[in-house]
Amino acid sequence: MVTRSLGDRFFSSSGVTAEPEIKEIELNPENSRLVIACDGVWDVLGDQEVLDLIEDEPDDTKAAEAIKLKAFQSESPDNISVIVVTLGS
């Protein structure tokens, strides 16, 4: 939707905006990974489900692939993009 909100006049009057949703959170030692994903993931998978899915996968790329596949199998109606980052000390 971001590209459409920037370039499609049809969406400019429908409440779609180019303004990003930004959240700041403080990470702590319990946070081991960061999952960045678009609506295509979060529309069909919950936070805990995603965490459980990648809990035993040490490779970030394979973890992202597992999330993408699960969202696809869950028939997500939206684009599916995922990035997984291991937070290290």
N, C-alpha and C. Protein backbone atom coordinates (compact mmCIF):
# COMPACT_ATOMS: atom_id res chain seq x y z
N MET A 1 0.80 -1.19 0.00
CA MET A 1 0.00 0.00 0.00
C MET A 1 0.85 1.26 0.00
N VAL A 2 2.07 1.17 0.49
CA VAL A 2 2.88 2.38 0.56
C VAL A 2 3.10 2.95 -0.83
N THR A 3 3.47 2.11 -1.79
CA THR A 3 3.71 2.63 -3.13
C THR A 3 2.42 3.18 -3.72
N ARG A 4 1.31 2.53 -3.47
CA ARG A 4 0.04 3.04 -3.98
C ARG A 4 -0.31 4.37 -3.33
N SER A 5 -0.05 4.49 -2.04
CA SER A 5 -0.41 5.74 -1.37
C SER A 5 0.47 6.88 -1.86
N LEU A 6 1.63 6.56 -2.37
CA LEU A 6 2.51 7.60 -2.90
C LEU A 6 2.18 7.97 -4.33
N GLY A 7 1.67 6.99 -5.11
CA GLY A 7 1.52 7.27 -6.51
C GLY A 7 0.16 7.03 -7.13
N ASP A 8 -0.80 6.61 -6.38
CA ASP A 8 -2.11 6.31 -6.94
C ASP A 8 -3.14 7.29 -6.39
N ARG A 9 -3.63 8.17 -7.22
CA ARG A 9 -4.58 9.21 -6.77
C ARG A 9 -5.86 8.63 -6.20
N PHE A 10 -6.25 7.44 -6.68
CA PHE A 10 -7.44 6.79 -6.17
C PHE A 10 -7.36 6.58 -4.66
N PHE A 11 -6.18 6.19 -4.17
CA PHE A 11 -6.00 5.92 -2.75
C PHE A 11 -5.76 7.18 -1.93
N SER A 12 -5.37 8.26 -2.55
CA SER A 12 -5.05 9.47 -1.79
C SER A 12 -6.26 10.05 -1.08
N SER A 13 -7.46 9.78 -1.55
CA SER A 13 -8.65 10.31 -0.89
C SER A 13 -9.33 9.26 0.00
N SER A 14 -8.73 8.07 0.11
CA SER A 14 -9.38 7.00 0.87
C SER A 14 -8.80 6.82 2.27
N GLY A 15 -7.97 7.75 2.72
CA GLY A 15 -7.40 7.63 4.06
C GLY A 15 -6.07 6.93 4.09
N VAL A 16 -5.60 6.41 2.96
CA VAL A 16 -4.28 5.80 2.91
C VAL A 16 -3.25 6.91 2.90
N THR A 17 -2.24 6.76 3.71
CA THR A 17 -1.24 7.81 3.83
C THR A 17 0.17 7.27 3.63
N ALA A 18 1.06 8.15 3.26
CA ALA A 18 2.47 7.78 3.12
C ALA A 18 3.21 7.93 4.45
N GLU A 19 2.50 8.37 5.47
CA GLU A 19 3.11 8.52 6.80
C GLU A 19 3.31 7.13 7.42
N PRO A 20 4.55 6.78 7.79
CA PRO A 20 4.78 5.47 8.38
C PRO A 20 4.32 5.41 9.83
N GLU A 21 3.98 4.22 10.27
CA GLU A 21 3.71 4.00 11.69
C GLU A 21 5.05 3.69 12.34
N ILE A 22 5.44 4.48 13.30
CA ILE A 22 6.74 4.32 13.95
C ILE A 22 6.52 4.04 15.43
N LYS A 23 7.20 3.01 15.91
CA LYS A 23 7.14 2.68 17.33
C LYS A 23 8.57 2.56 17.85
N GLU A 24 8.80 3.11 19.00
CA GLU A 24 10.09 2.97 19.66
C GLU A 24 9.90 2.08 20.88
N ILE A 25 10.73 1.05 20.97
CA ILE A 25 10.69 0.19 22.15
C ILE A 25 12.11 0.01 22.65
N GLU A 26 12.22 -0.18 23.94
CA GLU A 26 13.54 -0.41 24.53
C GLU A 26 13.77 -1.93 24.57
N LEU A 27 14.88 -2.34 23.98
CA LEU A 27 15.21 -3.76 23.98
C LEU A 27 15.90 -4.11 25.29
N ASN A 28 15.74 -5.35 25.71
CA ASN A 28 16.40 -5.81 26.92
C ASN A 28 17.08 -7.15 26.61
N PRO A 29 17.86 -7.68 27.55
CA PRO A 29 18.59 -8.93 27.29
C PRO A 29 17.70 -10.11 26.90
N GLU A 30 16.43 -10.08 27.25
CA GLU A 30 15.52 -11.16 26.88
C GLU A 30 15.19 -11.15 25.39
N ASN A 31 15.37 -10.02 24.72
CA ASN A 31 15.07 -9.90 23.29
C ASN A 31 16.23 -10.48 22.49
N SER A 32 15.97 -11.59 21.82
CA SER A 32 17.04 -12.25 21.07
C SER A 32 16.93 -12.04 19.56
N ARG A 33 15.72 -11.73 19.08
CA ARG A 33 15.53 -11.54 17.65
C ARG A 33 14.53 -10.43 17.39
N LEU A 34 14.67 -9.86 16.20
CA LEU A 34 13.75 -8.84 15.72
C LEU A 34 13.13 -9.36 14.43
N VAL A 35 11.81 -9.35 14.36
CA VAL A 35 11.10 -9.77 13.15
C VAL A 35 10.41 -8.54 12.56
N ILE A 36 10.80 -8.20 11.35
CA ILE A 36 10.19 -7.09 10.63
C ILE A 36 9.40 -7.71 9.48
N ALA A 37 8.10 -7.48 9.47
CA ALA A 37 7.27 -8.10 8.44
C ALA A 37 6.12 -7.17 8.07
N CYS A 38 5.61 -7.36 6.87
CA CYS A 38 4.50 -6.53 6.39
C CYS A 38 3.16 -7.16 6.77
N ASP A 39 2.10 -6.48 6.42
CA ASP A 39 0.75 -6.91 6.77
C ASP A 39 0.42 -8.33 6.32
N GLY A 40 1.03 -8.77 5.24
CA GLY A 40 0.77 -10.11 4.74
C GLY A 40 1.09 -11.20 5.74
N VAL A 41 2.01 -10.90 6.64
CA VAL A 41 2.33 -11.84 7.72
C VAL A 41 1.39 -11.62 8.89
N TRP A 42 1.30 -10.38 9.35
CA TRP A 42 0.54 -10.09 10.58
C TRP A 42 -0.96 -10.24 10.40
N ASP A 43 -1.45 -10.23 9.16
CA ASP A 43 -2.88 -10.46 8.93
C ASP A 43 -3.29 -11.90 9.27
N VAL A 44 -2.34 -12.83 9.16
CA VAL A 44 -2.69 -14.24 9.35
C VAL A 44 -1.94 -14.93 10.49
N LEU A 45 -0.89 -14.31 11.01
CA LEU A 45 -0.10 -14.91 12.09
C LEU A 45 0.00 -13.95 13.27
N GLY A 46 -0.06 -14.48 14.45
CA GLY A 46 0.09 -13.68 15.65
C GLY A 46 1.54 -13.62 16.09
N ASP A 47 1.85 -12.68 16.97
CA ASP A 47 3.21 -12.50 17.46
C ASP A 47 3.78 -13.80 18.04
N GLN A 48 3.04 -14.42 18.94
CA GLN A 48 3.54 -15.63 19.59
C GLN A 48 3.69 -16.78 18.60
N GLU A 49 2.79 -16.86 17.65
CA GLU A 49 2.89 -17.91 16.63
C GLU A 49 4.17 -17.77 15.82
N VAL A 50 4.52 -16.54 15.48
CA VAL A 50 5.76 -16.28 14.74
C VAL A 50 6.97 -16.66 15.60
N LEU A 51 6.96 -16.26 16.86
CA LEU A 51 8.07 -16.59 17.74
C LEU A 51 8.23 -18.09 17.91
N ASP A 52 7.12 -18.79 18.11
CA ASP A 52 7.16 -20.25 18.26
C ASP A 52 7.68 -20.91 16.99
N LEU A 53 7.32 -20.36 15.85
CA LEU A 53 7.71 -20.92 14.57
C LEU A 53 9.22 -20.88 14.35
N ILE A 54 9.89 -19.83 14.83
CA ILE A 54 11.32 -19.67 14.56
C ILE A 54 12.20 -19.93 15.77
N GLU A 55 11.59 -20.33 16.87
CA GLU A 55 12.32 -20.51 18.13
C GLU A 55 13.56 -21.41 17.99
N ASP A 56 13.44 -22.51 17.27
CA ASP A 56 14.53 -23.48 17.16
C ASP A 56 15.34 -23.34 15.88
N GLU A 57 15.13 -22.27 15.12
CA GLU A 57 15.86 -22.06 13.86
C GLU A 57 16.92 -20.98 14.07
N PRO A 58 18.20 -21.35 14.15
CA PRO A 58 19.25 -20.36 14.41
C PRO A 58 19.58 -19.46 13.22
N ASP A 59 19.27 -19.90 12.02
CA ASP A 59 19.61 -19.14 10.81
C ASP A 59 18.50 -18.12 10.50
N ASP A 60 18.86 -16.84 10.46
CA ASP A 60 17.86 -15.79 10.21
C ASP A 60 17.16 -15.93 8.87
N THR A 61 17.90 -16.28 7.85
CA THR A 61 17.31 -16.42 6.52
C THR A 61 16.29 -17.56 6.49
N LYS A 62 16.64 -18.67 7.10
CA LYS A 62 15.71 -19.80 7.15
C LYS A 62 14.50 -19.49 8.03
N ALA A 63 14.72 -18.71 9.09
CA ALA A 63 13.61 -18.30 9.95
C ALA A 63 12.63 -17.43 9.17
N ALA A 64 13.16 -16.47 8.41
CA ALA A 64 12.31 -15.60 7.59
C ALA A 64 11.55 -16.42 6.54
N GLU A 65 12.23 -17.38 5.97
CA GLU A 65 11.59 -18.25 4.97
C GLU A 65 10.45 -19.06 5.61
N ALA A 66 10.65 -19.54 6.83
CA ALA A 66 9.62 -20.31 7.52
C ALA A 66 8.39 -19.45 7.80
N ILE A 67 8.62 -18.21 8.19
CA ILE A 67 7.50 -17.29 8.44
C ILE A 67 6.75 -17.00 7.14
N LYS A 68 7.50 -16.73 6.09
CA LYS A 68 6.89 -16.45 4.78
C LYS A 68 6.05 -17.63 4.31
N LEU A 69 6.59 -18.83 4.44
CA LEU A 69 5.88 -20.03 4.00
C LEU A 69 4.60 -20.24 4.82
N LYS A 70 4.69 -20.05 6.13
CA LYS A 70 3.51 -20.23 6.98
C LYS A 70 2.43 -19.21 6.63
N ALA A 71 2.82 -17.96 6.38
CA ALA A 71 1.84 -16.94 5.99
C ALA A 71 1.20 -17.30 4.65
N PHE A 72 2.01 -17.80 3.72
CA PHE A 72 1.49 -18.21 2.41
C PHE A 72 0.51 -19.38 2.58
N GLN A 73 0.89 -20.38 3.39
CA GLN A 73 0.03 -21.54 3.62
C GLN A 73 -1.26 -21.15 4.35
N SER A 74 -1.19 -20.06 5.11
CA SER A 74 -2.36 -19.56 5.82
C SER A 74 -3.23 -18.68 4.93
N GLU A 75 -2.89 -18.65 3.64
CA GLU A 75 -3.64 -17.93 2.61
C GLU A 75 -3.72 -16.43 2.87
N SER A 76 -2.59 -15.85 3.19
CA SER A 76 -2.54 -14.41 3.38
C SER A 76 -3.01 -13.69 2.12
N PRO A 77 -3.89 -12.70 2.27
CA PRO A 77 -4.41 -12.00 1.11
C PRO A 77 -3.52 -10.82 0.68
N ASP A 78 -2.39 -10.63 1.33
CA ASP A 78 -1.57 -9.44 1.10
C ASP A 78 -0.14 -9.85 0.73
N ASN A 79 0.66 -8.86 0.40
CA ASN A 79 2.08 -9.12 0.14
C ASN A 79 2.73 -9.70 1.39
N ILE A 80 3.72 -10.57 1.18
CA ILE A 80 4.41 -11.21 2.31
C ILE A 80 5.90 -10.89 2.22
N SER A 81 6.38 -10.07 3.11
CA SER A 81 7.80 -9.74 3.20
C SER A 81 8.23 -9.90 4.65
N VAL A 82 9.41 -10.52 4.85
CA VAL A 82 9.88 -10.78 6.21
C VAL A 82 11.39 -10.60 6.29
N ILE A 83 11.83 -9.99 7.39
CA ILE A 83 13.25 -9.89 7.72
C ILE A 83 13.37 -10.34 9.17
N VAL A 84 14.32 -11.23 9.44
CA VAL A 84 14.61 -11.66 10.81
C VAL A 84 16.05 -11.29 11.11
N VAL A 85 16.25 -10.65 12.27
CA VAL A 85 17.58 -10.22 12.68
C VAL A 85 17.86 -10.75 14.07
N THR A 86 18.98 -11.45 14.23
CA THR A 86 19.40 -11.89 15.55
C THR A 86 20.08 -10.72 16.24
N LEU A 87 19.63 -10.44 17.44
CA LEU A 87 20.19 -9.36 18.24
C LEU A 87 21.32 -9.95 19.07
N GLY A 88 22.49 -9.43 18.93
CA GLY A 88 23.62 -10.00 19.64
C GLY A 88 24.19 -9.06 20.67
N SER A 89 24.97 -9.65 21.53
CA SER A 89 25.63 -8.84 22.55
C SER A 89 27.08 -8.64 22.18
